[in-house]
Amino acid sequence: MPDILTWQLGPLPTLLSLAFGYLLGSIPFGLILTRMAGLGDVRQIGSGNIGATNVLRTGNKKLAAATLLLDALKGTAAAAIASRWGLEAGIAAGFAAFLGHLFPVWLGFKGGKGVATYLGVLLGLVPIVLAVFAAIWLAVAFISRYSSLAALVAMLVVPVVLWFLGNEEVALLFAVMSAISWWKHRANIARLINGTESRIGSKG
């Protein structure tokens, strides 16, 4: 199995891809947008995360949608632009963008949970599988009414689908990203087990 940091790309392009992806991924759009809208520091409300779900807790749906879109697009841009150097560069940049969102240096390495950026990287590398994620998310969310559970289940399936499609390197990337995002969702998982997780449409 090729080394995920060197492959055939060489150390310099790999390092440049990692740096580019991380810097792009670490842009805290949720924090920037809420501050520009005069809503203060989004880290001081709800879960304290900078992602779209927490931005939605400000009551501004448009800002939440914009945050979701921008957090996804930074993953897409990192993967798609770096892929001009080859698939390995795209994988490196996409992974770094994901890590940048989760652990932005500007915010003391305290970022979001990574679902939007995960989707953006998927769009940049294997866009057809984004439809698989969406279908699974919608099905699980419709049945359970839990957004977090829908995302967690979809992130389990995506690496398997990528593997069966013959995208072994990308499947490995998303297996690692899924594991990290599951870890970031550990509080949600605990609430799901305890039956205290908020359902879609719940006002509590």
Protein backbone atom coordinates (compact mmCIF):
# COMPACT_ATOMS: atom_id res chain seq x y z
CA MET A 1 0.00 0.00 0.00
CA PRO A 2 1.47 3.42 -0.92
CA ASP A 3 2.61 5.74 1.86
CA ILE A 4 -0.08 8.40 2.26
CA LEU A 5 2.51 11.19 2.61
CA THR A 6 4.87 10.41 -0.26
CA TRP A 7 3.32 8.07 -2.85
CA GLN A 8 4.67 8.84 -6.30
CA LEU A 9 4.08 12.55 -5.93
CA GLY A 10 7.28 13.47 -4.14
CA PRO A 11 7.76 15.29 -0.85
CA LEU A 12 7.65 18.92 -2.04
CA PRO A 13 4.34 18.80 -3.95
CA THR A 14 2.86 16.75 -1.12
CA LEU A 15 3.91 19.31 1.49
CA LEU A 16 2.61 22.15 -0.66
CA SER A 17 -0.71 20.34 -1.10
CA LEU A 18 -0.98 19.74 2.64
CA ALA A 19 -0.16 23.36 3.46
CA PHE A 20 -2.56 24.73 0.84
CA GLY A 21 -5.37 22.46 1.95
CA TYR A 22 -4.88 23.17 5.64
CA LEU A 23 -4.80 26.95 5.22
CA LEU A 24 -7.92 26.88 3.07
CA GLY A 25 -9.74 24.49 5.36
CA SER A 26 -8.91 26.49 8.47
CA ILE A 27 -10.84 29.57 7.32
CA PRO A 28 -13.59 29.80 10.00
CA PHE A 29 -16.49 30.91 7.81
CA GLY A 30 -19.07 30.36 10.54
CA LEU A 31 -17.25 32.70 12.89
CA ILE A 32 -16.54 35.27 10.18
CA LEU A 33 -20.12 35.39 8.88
CA THR A 34 -21.75 35.65 12.30
CA ARG A 35 -19.41 38.43 13.33
CA MET A 36 -20.02 40.31 10.09
CA ALA A 37 -23.76 39.99 10.71
CA GLY A 38 -23.36 41.49 14.17
CA LEU A 39 -24.32 38.27 15.96
CA GLY A 40 -21.18 38.06 18.05
CA ASP A 41 -18.96 35.03 18.57
CA VAL A 42 -20.70 31.81 17.51
CA ARG A 43 -18.36 29.91 19.83
CA GLN A 44 -20.18 31.42 22.80
CA ILE A 45 -23.51 29.73 22.01
CA GLY A 46 -24.79 26.18 21.69
CA SER A 47 -22.07 23.60 21.19
CA GLY A 48 -19.36 26.24 20.73
CA ASN A 49 -18.52 24.86 17.28
CA ILE A 50 -17.99 27.05 14.21
CA GLY A 51 -20.01 24.90 11.82
CA ALA A 52 -23.38 25.46 10.18
CA THR A 53 -25.39 23.58 12.82
CA ASN A 54 -24.22 25.92 15.54
CA VAL A 55 -24.62 28.98 13.31
CA LEU A 56 -28.25 27.90 12.87
CA ARG A 57 -28.67 28.34 16.63
CA THR A 58 -28.32 32.10 16.10
CA GLY A 59 -31.70 31.90 14.38
CA ASN A 60 -30.32 33.05 11.04
CA LYS A 61 -31.03 30.30 8.50
CA LYS A 62 -29.39 32.19 5.63
CA LEU A 63 -26.11 32.50 7.54
CA ALA A 64 -26.26 28.82 8.43
CA ALA A 65 -26.81 27.89 4.78
CA ALA A 66 -23.96 30.16 3.68
CA THR A 67 -21.68 28.60 6.31
CA LEU A 68 -22.59 25.10 5.14
CA LEU A 69 -21.89 26.02 1.52
CA LEU A 70 -18.58 27.78 2.19
CA ASP A 71 -17.32 25.07 4.55
CA ALA A 72 -18.07 22.51 1.85
CA LEU A 73 -16.54 24.54 -0.97
CA LYS A 74 -13.23 25.02 0.82
CA GLY A 75 -12.88 21.23 0.82
CA THR A 76 -13.91 21.05 -2.82
CA ALA A 77 -11.51 23.81 -3.85
CA ALA A 78 -8.58 22.26 -1.98
CA ALA A 79 -9.11 18.81 -3.50
CA ALA A 80 -9.97 19.98 -7.01
CA ILE A 81 -7.17 22.54 -7.36
CA ALA A 82 -4.47 20.27 -5.95
CA SER A 83 -5.70 17.40 -8.14
CA ARG A 84 -4.11 19.20 -11.09
CA TRP A 85 -0.88 17.73 -9.71
CA GLY A 86 -2.51 14.31 -9.61
CA LEU A 87 -4.90 12.30 -7.45
CA GLU A 88 -2.38 11.99 -4.63
CA ALA A 89 -2.08 15.77 -4.35
CA GLY A 90 -5.86 16.10 -4.32
CA ILE A 91 -6.12 13.52 -1.55
CA ALA A 92 -3.43 15.27 0.50
CA ALA A 93 -5.01 18.70 0.09
CA GLY A 94 -8.52 17.41 0.77
CA PHE A 95 -7.43 15.66 3.95
CA ALA A 96 -5.54 18.75 5.10
CA ALA A 97 -8.59 20.95 4.43
CA PHE A 98 -10.69 18.61 6.55
CA LEU A 99 -8.15 18.78 9.37
CA GLY A 100 -7.91 22.55 8.97
CA HIS A 101 -11.65 22.88 9.57
CA LEU A 102 -11.53 20.62 12.62
CA PHE A 103 -8.32 22.08 14.07
CA PRO A 104 -7.80 25.66 12.80
CA VAL A 105 -4.57 27.17 14.09
CA TRP A 106 -6.21 30.61 14.31
CA LEU A 107 -8.76 29.39 16.86
CA GLY A 108 -6.53 27.36 19.14
CA PHE A 109 -7.19 24.22 17.08
CA LYS A 110 -10.88 24.22 18.11
CA GLY A 111 -13.07 24.02 15.02
CA GLY A 112 -16.13 22.23 13.72
CA LYS A 113 -17.08 18.59 13.29
CA GLY A 114 -16.20 18.42 9.62
CA VAL A 115 -19.30 17.08 7.88
CA ALA A 116 -19.63 19.95 5.39
CA THR A 117 -15.92 19.92 4.54
CA TYR A 118 -16.06 16.11 4.28
CA LEU A 119 -18.79 16.51 1.67
CA GLY A 120 -16.82 19.17 -0.13
CA VAL A 121 -13.76 16.92 -0.43
CA LEU A 122 -15.99 14.12 -1.69
CA LEU A 123 -17.40 16.47 -4.32
CA GLY A 124 -13.90 17.46 -5.38
CA LEU A 125 -12.60 13.90 -5.72
CA VAL A 126 -15.50 11.54 -6.54
CA PRO A 127 -18.63 13.65 -7.01
CA ILE A 128 -20.93 10.75 -7.92
CA VAL A 129 -20.59 9.31 -4.40
CA LEU A 130 -21.97 12.54 -2.98
CA ALA A 131 -25.36 11.31 -4.21
CA VAL A 132 -24.88 8.14 -2.15
CA PHE A 133 -24.20 10.20 0.96
CA ALA A 134 -27.25 12.36 0.30
CA ALA A 135 -29.54 9.37 -0.26
CA ILE A 136 -28.42 7.65 2.94
CA TRP A 137 -28.63 10.86 4.96
CA LEU A 138 -32.16 11.55 3.74
CA ALA A 139 -33.32 7.99 4.41
CA VAL A 140 -31.89 7.79 7.93
CA ALA A 141 -33.01 11.32 8.79
CA PHE A 142 -36.54 10.59 7.55
CA ILE A 143 -36.78 7.42 9.63
CA SER A 144 -35.01 8.56 12.80
CA ARG A 145 -35.39 12.36 12.73
CA TYR A 146 -31.77 12.59 13.91
CA SER A 147 -29.46 14.70 11.72
CA SER A 148 -26.34 13.53 13.54
CA LEU A 149 -27.25 9.85 13.19
CA ALA A 150 -27.93 10.33 9.48
CA ALA A 151 -24.49 11.88 8.96
CA LEU A 152 -22.74 9.20 11.04
CA VAL A 153 -24.37 6.35 9.10
CA ALA A 154 -23.63 7.99 5.74
CA MET A 155 -19.97 8.42 6.71
CA LEU A 156 -19.76 4.71 7.46
CA VAL A 157 -21.10 3.77 4.03
CA VAL A 158 -19.10 6.20 1.87
CA PRO A 159 -15.67 4.50 2.26
CA VAL A 160 -17.23 1.12 1.50
CA VAL A 161 -18.87 2.43 -1.67
CA LEU A 162 -15.62 4.06 -2.77
CA TRP A 163 -13.76 0.79 -2.23
CA PHE A 164 -16.24 -1.22 -4.31
CA LEU A 165 -16.01 1.40 -7.06
CA GLY A 166 -12.27 0.74 -7.24
CA ASN A 167 -11.15 4.00 -5.63
CA GLU A 168 -8.98 2.34 -2.99
CA GLU A 169 -6.81 5.37 -2.16
CA VAL A 170 -9.81 7.68 -1.84
CA ALA A 171 -11.64 5.01 0.17
CA LEU A 172 -8.74 4.94 2.63
CA LEU A 173 -8.85 8.71 2.89
CA PHE A 174 -12.57 8.73 3.68
CA ALA A 175 -12.26 5.85 6.12
CA VAL A 176 -9.77 7.94 8.11
CA MET A 177 -11.89 11.09 7.79
CA SER A 178 -15.01 9.21 8.86
CA ALA A 179 -13.23 7.85 11.93
CA ILE A 180 -12.05 11.33 12.91
CA SER A 181 -15.49 12.85 12.38
CA TRP A 182 -17.07 10.08 14.47
CA TRP A 183 -14.65 10.99 17.25
CA LYS A 184 -15.62 14.65 16.92
CA HIS A 185 -19.28 13.57 17.21
CA ARG A 186 -18.70 11.60 20.42
CA ALA A 187 -20.98 13.92 22.43
CA ASN A 188 -23.75 13.42 19.86
CA ILE A 189 -23.21 9.65 20.00
CA ALA A 190 -23.52 9.72 23.79
CA ARG A 191 -26.78 11.67 23.51
CA LEU A 192 -28.09 9.26 20.88
CA ILE A 193 -27.40 6.36 23.22
CA ASN A 194 -29.03 8.18 26.12
CA GLY A 195 -32.00 9.29 24.02
CA THR A 196 -31.34 13.00 24.64
CA GLU A 197 -30.15 14.01 21.17
CA SER A 198 -32.29 16.72 19.55
CA ARG A 199 -34.43 15.57 16.67
CA ILE A 200 -34.89 17.43 13.40
CA GLY A 201 -37.55 20.08 13.88
CA SER A 202 -37.29 19.93 17.65
CA LYS A 203 -37.39 23.26 19.44
CA GLY A 204 -35.56 21.96 22.44
